[in-house]
C-alpha cells in the first residue's frame, strides 16, 4: 500500500513538469526525496498506514526545515498538501 501511494505521489509530481513554474518544479524535486525516503522507512518498519506515511514526510520536512528559507518552506508545504489531497482522490 505504501509503495503504491509513493508511486502515485511521484507520478503527480512528474505530471506537473510540463506546466509547473520554476518554484513548483523546485518544490516537487525537493519533495521527491522526502517522499521516497519516508516510504522506504515505512516499508522497512512494516508501516502500512497512509496517515503514518504522511506523518513521516511531515516529520522529514520539519527536520530539514533549516535547509530552506521561509518562502521555499511555504512552497514545499503547499505542494505537499496539494499532493496529499490529489493522491487520495
PDB file of N, CA and C in Angstrom:
ATOM      1  N   UNK A   1       0.819  -1.191   0.000  1.00  0.00           N
ATOM      2  CA  UNK A   1       0.000   0.000   0.000  1.00  0.00           C
ATOM      3  C   UNK A   1       0.870   1.265   0.000  1.00  0.00           C
ATOM      4  N   UNK A   2       1.919   1.282   0.804  1.00  0.00           N
ATOM      5  CA  UNK A   2       2.821   2.435   0.861  1.00  0.00           C
ATOM      6  C   UNK A   2       3.497   2.639  -0.491  1.00  0.00           C
ATOM      7  N   UNK A   3       3.921   1.550  -1.109  1.00  0.00           N
ATOM      8  CA  UNK A   3       4.614   1.661  -2.394  1.00  0.00           C
ATOM      9  C   UNK A   3       3.698   2.264  -3.462  1.00  0.00           C
ATOM     10  N   UNK A   4       2.448   1.841  -3.489  1.00  0.00           N
ATOM     11  CA  UNK A   4       1.503   2.383  -4.464  1.00  0.00           C
ATOM     12  C   UNK A   4       1.249   3.871  -4.208  1.00  0.00           C
ATOM     13  N   UNK A   5       1.156   4.223  -2.939  1.00  0.00           N
ATOM     14  CA  UNK A   5       0.937   5.622  -2.570  1.00  0.00           C
ATOM     15  C   UNK A   5       2.138   6.466  -2.985  1.00  0.00           C
ATOM     16  N   UNK A   6       3.332   5.965  -2.705  1.00  0.00           N
ATOM     17  CA  UNK A   6       4.547   6.680  -3.112  1.00  0.00           C
ATOM     18  C   UNK A   6       4.553   6.870  -4.627  1.00  0.00           C
ATOM     19  N   UNK A   7       4.251   5.809  -5.371  1.00  0.00           N
ATOM     20  CA  UNK A   7       4.237   5.894  -6.832  1.00  0.00           C
ATOM     21  C   UNK A   7       3.224   6.916  -7.321  1.00  0.00           C
ATOM     22  N   UNK A   8       2.067   6.966  -6.690  1.00  0.00           N
ATOM     23  CA  UNK A   8       1.043   7.927  -7.084  1.00  0.00           C
ATOM     24  C   UNK A   8       1.521   9.358  -6.821  1.00  0.00           C
ATOM     25  N   UNK A   9       2.127   9.591  -5.657  1.00  0.00           N
ATOM     26  CA  UNK A   9       2.647  10.919  -5.338  1.00  0.00           C
ATOM     27  C   UNK A   9       3.721  11.345  -6.336  1.00  0.00           C
ATOM     28  N   UNK A  10       4.646  10.443  -6.638  1.00  0.00           N
ATOM     29  CA  UNK A  10       5.730  10.768  -7.565  1.00  0.00           C
ATOM     30  C   UNK A  10       5.205  10.968  -8.982  1.00  0.00           C
ATOM     31  N   UNK A  11       4.186  10.219  -9.364  1.00  0.00           N
ATOM     32  CA  UNK A  11       3.570  10.404 -10.681  1.00  0.00           C
ATOM     33  C   UNK A  11       2.904  11.775 -10.766  1.00  0.00           C
ATOM     34  N   UNK A  12       2.244  12.184  -9.694  1.00  0.00           N
ATOM     35  CA  UNK A  12       1.628  13.515  -9.677  1.00  0.00           C
ATOM     36  C   UNK A  12       2.689  14.604  -9.850  1.00  0.00           C
ATOM     37  N   UNK A  13       3.831  14.431  -9.225  1.00  0.00           N
ATOM     38  CA  UNK A  13       4.930  15.394  -9.398  1.00  0.00           C
ATOM     39  C   UNK A  13       5.406  15.375 -10.848  1.00  0.00           C
ATOM     40  N   UNK A  14       5.578  14.184 -11.408  1.00  0.00           N
ATOM     41  CA  UNK A  14       6.028  14.066 -12.799  1.00  0.00           C
ATOM     42  C   UNK A  14       5.061  14.731 -13.770  1.00  0.00           C
ATOM     43  N   UNK A  15       3.770  14.611 -13.512  1.00  0.00           N
ATOM     44  CA  UNK A  15       2.769  15.184 -14.398  1.00  0.00           C
ATOM     45  C   UNK A  15       2.776  16.711 -14.387  1.00  0.00           C
ATOM     46  N   UNK A  16       3.334  17.299 -13.363  1.00  0.00           N
ATOM     47  CA  UNK A  16       3.401  18.758 -13.247  1.00  0.00           C
ATOM     48  C   UNK A  16       4.492  19.362 -14.120  1.00  0.00           C
ATOM     49  N   UNK A  17       5.458  18.570 -14.532  1.00  0.00           N
ATOM     50  CA  UNK A  17       6.667  19.091 -15.161  1.00  0.00           C
ATOM     51  C   UNK A  17       6.379  20.004 -16.344  1.00  0.00           C
ATOM     52  N   UNK A  18       5.451  19.641 -17.186  1.00  0.00           N
ATOM     53  CA  UNK A  18       5.202  20.429 -18.398  1.00  0.00           C
ATOM     54  C   UNK A  18       4.569  21.782 -18.123  1.00  0.00           C
ATOM     55  N   UNK A  19       3.815  21.905 -17.050  1.00  0.00           N
ATOM     56  CA  UNK A  19       3.083  23.147 -16.798  1.00  0.00           C
ATOM     57  C   UNK A  19       3.525  23.876 -15.537  1.00  0.00           C
ATOM     58  N   UNK A  20       4.423  23.299 -14.771  1.00  0.00           N
ATOM     59  CA  UNK A  20       4.805  23.875 -13.480  1.00  0.00           C
ATOM     60  C   UNK A  20       5.720  25.084 -13.636  1.00  0.00           C
ATOM     61  N   UNK A  21       5.602  25.975 -12.681  1.00  0.00           N
ATOM     62  CA  UNK A  21       6.520  27.114 -12.606  1.00  0.00           C
ATOM     63  C   UNK A  21       7.866  26.618 -12.067  1.00  0.00           C
ATOM     64  N   UNK A  22       8.868  27.474 -12.133  1.00  0.00           N
ATOM     65  CA  UNK A  22      10.174  27.109 -11.584  1.00  0.00           C
ATOM     66  C   UNK A  22      10.070  26.783 -10.096  1.00  0.00           C
ATOM     67  N   UNK A  23       9.271  27.553  -9.379  1.00  0.00           N
ATOM     68  CA  UNK A  23       9.089  27.309  -7.943  1.00  0.00           C
ATOM     69  C   UNK A  23       8.438  25.947  -7.699  1.00  0.00           C
ATOM     70  N   UNK A  24       7.429  25.623  -8.494  1.00  0.00           N
ATOM     71  CA  UNK A  24       6.757  24.331  -8.339  1.00  0.00           C
ATOM     72  C   UNK A  24       7.691  23.173  -8.690  1.00  0.00           C
ATOM     73  N   UNK A  25       8.522  23.370  -9.712  1.00  0.00           N
ATOM     74  CA  UNK A  25       9.499  22.336 -10.069  1.00  0.00           C
ATOM     75  C   UNK A  25      10.495  22.123  -8.934  1.00  0.00           C
ATOM     76  N   UNK A  26      10.937  23.216  -8.324  1.00  0.00           N
ATOM     77  CA  UNK A  26      11.845  23.112  -7.188  1.00  0.00           C
ATOM     78  C   UNK A  26      11.185  22.347  -6.043  1.00  0.00           C
ATOM     79  N   UNK A  27       9.970  22.746  -5.696  1.00  0.00           N
ATOM     80  CA  UNK A  27       9.258  22.113  -4.576  1.00  0.00           C
ATOM     81  C   UNK A  27       9.019  20.631  -4.866  1.00  0.00           C
ATOM     82  N   UNK A  28       8.651  20.307  -6.093  1.00  0.00           N
ATOM     83  CA  UNK A  28       8.429  18.912  -6.458  1.00  0.00           C
ATOM     84  C   UNK A  28       9.696  18.087  -6.360  1.00  0.00           C
ATOM     85  N   UNK A  29      10.784  18.630  -6.862  1.00  0.00           N
ATOM     86  CA  UNK A  29      12.059  17.923  -6.772  1.00  0.00           C
ATOM     87  C   UNK A  29      12.492  17.730  -5.332  1.00  0.00           C
ATOM     88  N   UNK A  30      12.292  18.744  -4.524  1.00  0.00           N
ATOM     89  CA  UNK A  30      12.655  18.667  -3.111  1.00  0.00           C
ATOM     90  C   UNK A  30      11.810  17.609  -2.399  1.00  0.00           C
ATOM     91  N   UNK A  31      10.524  17.600  -2.693  1.00  0.00           N
ATOM     92  CA  UNK A  31       9.620  16.643  -2.047  1.00  0.00           C
ATOM     93  C   UNK A  31       9.895  15.199  -2.447  1.00  0.00           C
ATOM     94  N   UNK A  32      10.336  14.980  -3.676  1.00  0.00           N
ATOM     95  CA  UNK A  32      10.596  13.612  -4.150  1.00  0.00           C
ATOM     96  C   UNK A  32      11.497  12.862  -3.174  1.00  0.00           C
ATOM     97  N   UNK A  33      12.566  13.504  -2.755  1.00  0.00           N
ATOM     98  CA  UNK A  33      13.498  12.849  -1.831  1.00  0.00           C
ATOM     99  C   UNK A  33      12.858  12.526  -0.497  1.00  0.00           C
ATOM    100  N   UNK A  34      12.102  13.450   0.033  1.00  0.00           N
ATOM    101  CA  UNK A  34      11.451  13.229   1.329  1.00  0.00           C
ATOM    102  C   UNK A  34      10.379  12.142   1.231  1.00  0.00           C
ATOM    103  N   UNK A  35       9.646  12.127   0.133  1.00  0.00           N
ATOM    104  CA  UNK A  35       8.609  11.111  -0.064  1.00  0.00           C
ATOM    105  C   UNK A  35       9.241   9.726  -0.183  1.00  0.00           C
ATOM    106  N   UNK A  36      10.264   9.614  -1.021  1.00  0.00           N
ATOM    107  CA  UNK A  36      10.909   8.308  -1.232  1.00  0.00           C
ATOM    108  C   UNK A  36      11.579   7.790   0.036  1.00  0.00           C
ATOM    109  N   UNK A  37      12.258   8.671   0.748  1.00  0.00           N
ATOM    110  CA  UNK A  37      12.911   8.270   1.990  1.00  0.00           C
ATOM    111  C   UNK A  37      11.880   7.824   3.027  1.00  0.00           C
ATOM    112  N   UNK A  38      10.822   8.578   3.161  1.00  0.00           N
ATOM    113  CA  UNK A  38       9.779   8.238   4.132  1.00  0.00           C
ATOM    114  C   UNK A  38       9.097   6.923   3.772  1.00  0.00           C
ATOM    115  N   UNK A  39       8.839   6.708   2.487  1.00  0.00           N
ATOM    116  CA  UNK A  39       8.217   5.451   2.054  1.00  0.00           C
ATOM    117  C   UNK A  39       9.131   4.274   2.357  1.00  0.00           C
ATOM    118  N   UNK A  40      10.413   4.433   2.081  1.00  0.00           N
ATOM    119  CA  UNK A  40      11.363   3.348   2.357  1.00  0.00           C
ATOM    120  C   UNK A  40      11.427   3.039   3.848  1.00  0.00           C
ATOM    121  N   UNK A  41      11.421   4.065   4.675  1.00  0.00           N
ATOM    122  CA  UNK A  41      11.457   3.859   6.120  1.00  0.00           C
ATOM    123  C   UNK A  41      10.183   3.177   6.609  1.00  0.00           C
ATOM    124  N   UNK A  42       9.046   3.582   6.067  1.00  0.00           N
ATOM    125  CA  UNK A  42       7.778   2.950   6.453  1.00  0.00           C
ATOM    126  C   UNK A  42       7.782   1.474   6.070  1.00  0.00           C
ATOM    127  N   UNK A  43       8.214   1.175   4.865  1.00  0.00           N
ATOM    128  CA  UNK A  43       8.259  -0.220   4.419  1.00  0.00           C
ATOM    129  C   UNK A  43       9.230  -1.029   5.268  1.00  0.00           C
ATOM    130  N   UNK A  44      10.373  -0.447   5.568  1.00  0.00           N
ATOM    131  CA  UNK A  44      11.362  -1.125   6.407  1.00  0.00           C
ATOM    132  C   UNK A  44      10.784  -1.454   7.782  1.00  0.00           C
ATOM    133  N   UNK A  45       9.989  -0.523   8.311  1.00  0.00           N
ATOM    134  CA  UNK A  45       9.433  -0.689   9.656  1.00  0.00           C
ATOM    135  C   UNK A  45       8.084  -1.406   9.663  1.00  0.00           C
ATOM    136  N   UNK A  46       7.614  -1.841   8.501  1.00  0.00           N
ATOM    137  CA  UNK A  46       6.349  -2.565   8.424  1.00  0.00           C
ATOM    138  C   UNK A  46       5.124  -1.687   8.594  1.00  0.00           C
ATOM    139  N   UNK A  47       5.266  -0.408   8.357  1.00  0.00           N
ATOM    140  CA  UNK A  47       4.149   0.528   8.493  1.00  0.00           C
ATOM    141  C   UNK A  47       3.361   0.541   7.185  1.00  0.00           C
ATOM    142  N   UNK A  48       2.050   0.359   7.277  1.00  0.00           N
ATOM    143  CA  UNK A  48       1.216   0.316   6.077  1.00  0.00           C
ATOM    144  C   UNK A  48       0.175   1.436   6.031  1.00  0.00           C
ATOM    145  N   UNK A  49       0.087   2.223   7.074  1.00  0.00           N
ATOM    146  CA  UNK A  49      -0.897   3.292   7.164  1.00  0.00           C
ATOM    147  C   UNK A  49      -0.449   4.509   6.335  1.00  0.00           C
ATOM    148  N   UNK A  50      -1.362   4.990   5.481  1.00  0.00           N
ATOM    149  CA  UNK A  50      -1.060   6.184   4.695  1.00  0.00           C
ATOM    150  C   UNK A  50      -0.923   7.409   5.600  1.00  0.00           C
ATOM    151  N   UNK A  51      -1.684   7.429   6.677  1.00  0.00           N
ATOM    152  CA  UNK A  51      -1.566   8.538   7.629  1.00  0.00           C
ATOM    153  C   UNK A  51      -0.167   8.552   8.247  1.00  0.00           C
ATOM    154  N   UNK A  52       0.354   7.368   8.571  1.00  0.00           N
ATOM    155  CA  UNK A  52       1.697   7.278   9.128  1.00  0.00           C
ATOM    156  C   UNK A  52       2.742   7.700   8.095  1.00  0.00           C
ATOM    157  N   UNK A  53       2.518   7.348   6.853  1.00  0.00           N
ATOM    158  CA  UNK A  53       3.422   7.759   5.774  1.00  0.00           C
ATOM    159  C   UNK A  53       3.413   9.276   5.636  1.00  0.00           C
ATOM    160  N   UNK A  54       2.213   9.871   5.636  1.00  0.00           N
ATOM    161  CA  UNK A  54       2.114  11.331   5.555  1.00  0.00           C
ATOM    162  C   UNK A  54       2.829  11.989   6.734  1.00  0.00           C
ATOM    163  N   UNK A  55       2.661  11.421   7.907  1.00  0.00           N
ATOM    164  CA  UNK A  55       3.322  11.970   9.086  1.00  0.00           C
ATOM    165  C   UNK A  55       4.835  11.835   8.977  1.00  0.00           C
ATOM    166  N   UNK A  56       5.305  10.737   8.407  1.00  0.00           N
ATOM    167  CA  UNK A  56       6.748  10.546   8.214  1.00  0.00           C
ATOM    168  C   UNK A  56       7.318  11.619   7.284  1.00  0.00           C
ATOM    169  N   UNK A  57       6.576  11.953   6.225  1.00  0.00           N
ATOM    170  CA  UNK A  57       7.017  13.021   5.318  1.00  0.00           C
ATOM    171  C   UNK A  57       6.997  14.356   6.056  1.00  0.00           C
ATOM    172  N   UNK A  58       5.929  14.613   6.814  1.00  0.00           N
ATOM    173  CA  UNK A  58       5.857  15.856   7.598  1.00  0.00           C
ATOM    174  C   UNK A  58       7.043  15.968   8.546  1.00  0.00           C
ATOM    175  N   UNK A  59       7.352  14.874   9.227  1.00  0.00           N
ATOM    176  CA  UNK A  59       8.473  14.878  10.161  1.00  0.00           C
ATOM    177  C   UNK A  59       9.798  15.112   9.440  1.00  0.00           C
ATOM    178  N   UNK A  60       9.953  14.485   8.282  1.00  0.00           N
ATOM    179  CA  UNK A  60      11.167  14.654   7.497  1.00  0.00           C
ATOM    180  C   UNK A  60      11.331  16.108   7.056  1.00  0.00           C
ATOM    181  N   UNK A  61      10.238  16.706   6.603  1.00  0.00           N
ATOM    182  CA  UNK A  61      10.280  18.109   6.187  1.00  0.00           C
ATOM    183  C   UNK A  61      10.596  19.022   7.364  1.00  0.00           C
ATOM    184  N   UNK A  62       9.997  18.737   8.495  1.00  0.00           N
ATOM    185  CA  UNK A  62      10.244  19.559   9.686  1.00  0.00           C
ATOM    186  C   UNK A  62      11.706  19.452  10.116  1.00  0.00           C
ATOM    187  N   UNK A  63      12.244  18.247  10.064  1.00  0.00           N
ATOM    188  CA  UNK A  63      13.637  18.021  10.458  1.00  0.00           C
ATOM    189  C   UNK A  63      14.602  18.782   9.531  1.00  0.00           C
ATOM    190  N   UNK A  64      14.249  18.904   8.270  1.00  0.00           N
ATOM    191  CA  UNK A  64      15.117  19.558   7.280  1.00  0.00           C
ATOM    192  C   UNK A  64      14.770  21.028   7.073  1.00  0.00           C
ATOM    193  N   UNK A  65      13.947  21.556   7.922  1.00  0.00           N
ATOM    194  CA  UNK A  65      13.433  22.914   7.783  1.00  0.00           C
ATOM    195  C   UNK A  65      14.534  23.961   7.606  1.00  0.00           C
ATOM    196  N   UNK A  66      15.663  23.770   8.250  1.00  0.00           N
ATOM    197  CA  UNK A  66      16.734  24.764   8.178  1.00  0.00           C
ATOM    198  C   UNK A  66      17.403  24.800   6.804  1.00  0.00           C
ATOM    199  N   UNK A  67      17.117  23.819   5.941  1.00  0.00           N
ATOM    200  CA  UNK A  67      17.702  23.799   4.598  1.00  0.00           C
ATOM    201  C   UNK A  67      17.081  24.856   3.682  1.00  0.00           C
ATOM    202  N   UNK A  68      15.877  25.290   4.016  1.00  0.00           N
ATOM    203  CA  UNK A  68      15.128  26.185   3.132  1.00  0.00           C
ATOM    204  C   UNK A  68      14.829  27.515   3.806  1.00  0.00           C
ATOM    205  N   UNK A  69      14.727  28.553   2.989  1.00  0.00           N
ATOM    206  CA  UNK A  69      14.288  29.838   3.536  1.00  0.00           C
ATOM    207  C   UNK A  69      12.768  29.768   3.729  1.00  0.00           C
ATOM    208  N   UNK A  70      12.203  30.696   4.496  1.00  0.00           N
ATOM    209  CA  UNK A  70      10.761  30.627   4.792  1.00  0.00           C
ATOM    210  C   UNK A  70       9.863  30.570   3.557  1.00  0.00           C
ATOM    211  N   UNK A  71      10.197  31.304   2.510  1.00  0.00           N
ATOM    212  CA  UNK A  71       9.360  31.289   1.306  1.00  0.00           C
ATOM    213  C   UNK A  71       9.382  29.907   0.644  1.00  0.00           C
ATOM    214  N   UNK A  72      10.561  29.298   0.568  1.00  0.00           N
ATOM    215  CA  UNK A  72      10.668  27.959  -0.014  1.00  0.00           C
ATOM    216  C   UNK A  72       9.974  26.916   0.865  1.00  0.00           C
ATOM    217  N   UNK A  73      10.069  27.081   2.169  1.00  0.00           N
ATOM    218  CA  UNK A  73       9.364  26.171   3.084  1.00  0.00           C
ATOM    219  C   UNK A  73       7.871  26.207   2.797  1.00  0.00           C
ATOM    220  N   UNK A  74       7.338  27.393   2.589  1.00  0.00           N
ATOM    221  CA  UNK A  74       5.904  27.535   2.323  1.00  0.00           C
ATOM    222  C   UNK A  74       5.521  26.899   0.987  1.00  0.00           C
ATOM    223  N   UNK A  75       6.364  27.083  -0.020  1.00  0.00           N
ATOM    224  CA  UNK A  75       6.120  26.447  -1.319  1.00  0.00           C
ATOM    225  C   UNK A  75       6.044  24.934  -1.187  1.00  0.00           C
ATOM    226  N   UNK A  76       7.005  24.360  -0.476  1.00  0.00           N
ATOM    227  CA  UNK A  76       7.071  22.912  -0.305  1.00  0.00           C
ATOM    228  C   UNK A  76       5.865  22.417   0.479  1.00  0.00           C
ATOM    229  N   UNK A  77       5.524  23.100   1.568  1.00  0.00           N
ATOM    230  CA  UNK A  77       4.369  22.692   2.376  1.00  0.00           C
ATOM    231  C   UNK A  77       3.079  22.753   1.566  1.00  0.00           C
ATOM    232  N   UNK A  78       2.934  23.808   0.784  1.00  0.00           N
ATOM    233  CA  UNK A  78       1.726  23.969  -0.022  1.00  0.00           C
ATOM    234  C   UNK A  78       1.611  22.847  -1.057  1.00  0.00           C
ATOM    235  N   UNK A  79       2.702  22.552  -1.746  1.00  0.00           N
ATOM    236  CA  UNK A  79       2.662  21.473  -2.731  1.00  0.00           C
ATOM    237  C   UNK A  79       2.423  20.131  -2.058  1.00  0.00           C
ATOM    238  N   UNK A  80       3.012  19.912  -0.900  1.00  0.00           N
ATOM    239  CA  UNK A  80       2.813  18.653  -0.179  1.00  0.00           C
ATOM    240  C   UNK A  80       1.333  18.461   0.166  1.00  0.00           C
ATOM    241  N   UNK A  81       0.682  19.513   0.613  1.00  0.00           N
ATOM    242  CA  UNK A  81      -0.748  19.419   0.918  1.00  0.00           C
ATOM    243  C   UNK A  81      -1.564  19.110  -0.339  1.00  0.00           C
ATOM    244  N   UNK A  82      -1.226  19.755  -1.450  1.00  0.00           N
ATOM    245  CA  UNK A  82      -1.924  19.502  -2.712  1.00  0.00           C
ATOM    246  C   UNK A  82      -1.744  18.052  -3.154  1.00  0.00           C
ATOM    247  N   UNK A  83      -0.518  17.551  -3.036  1.00  0.00           N
ATOM    248  CA  UNK A  83      -0.241  16.178  -3.440  1.00  0.00           C
ATOM    249  C   UNK A  83      -1.029  15.181  -2.600  1.00  0.00           C
ATOM    250  N   UNK A  84      -1.070  15.411  -1.293  1.00  0.00           N
ATOM    251  CA  UNK A  84      -1.821  14.504  -0.416  1.00  0.00           C
ATOM    252  C   UNK A  84      -3.293  14.450  -0.813  1.00  0.00           C
ATOM    253  N   UNK A  85      -3.868  15.609  -1.102  1.00  0.00           N
ATOM    254  CA  UNK A  85      -5.271  15.654  -1.488  1.00  0.00           C
ATOM    255  C   UNK A  85      -5.508  14.978  -2.826  1.00  0.00           C
ATOM    256  N   UNK A  86      -4.640  15.235  -3.781  1.00  0.00           N
ATOM    257  CA  UNK A  86      -4.795  14.653  -5.115  1.00  0.00           C
ATOM    258  C   UNK A  86      -4.573  13.147  -5.120  1.00  0.00           C
ATOM    259  N   UNK A  87      -3.698  12.670  -4.266  1.00  0.00           N
ATOM    260  CA  UNK A  87      -3.360  11.248  -4.245  1.00  0.00           C
ATOM    261  C   UNK A  87      -4.487  10.373  -3.725  1.00  0.00           C
ATOM    262  N   UNK A  88      -5.379  10.939  -2.931  1.00  0.00           N
ATOM    263  CA  UNK A  88      -6.469  10.139  -2.370  1.00  0.00           C
ATOM    264  C   UNK A  88      -7.771  10.281  -3.153  1.00  0.00           C
ATOM    265  N   UNK A  89      -7.773  11.126  -4.153  1.00  0.00           N
ATOM    266  CA  UNK A  89      -8.993  11.334  -4.968  1.00  0.00           C
ATOM    267  C   UNK A  89      -9.174  10.196  -5.938  1.00  0.00           C
TER     268      UNK A  89
END
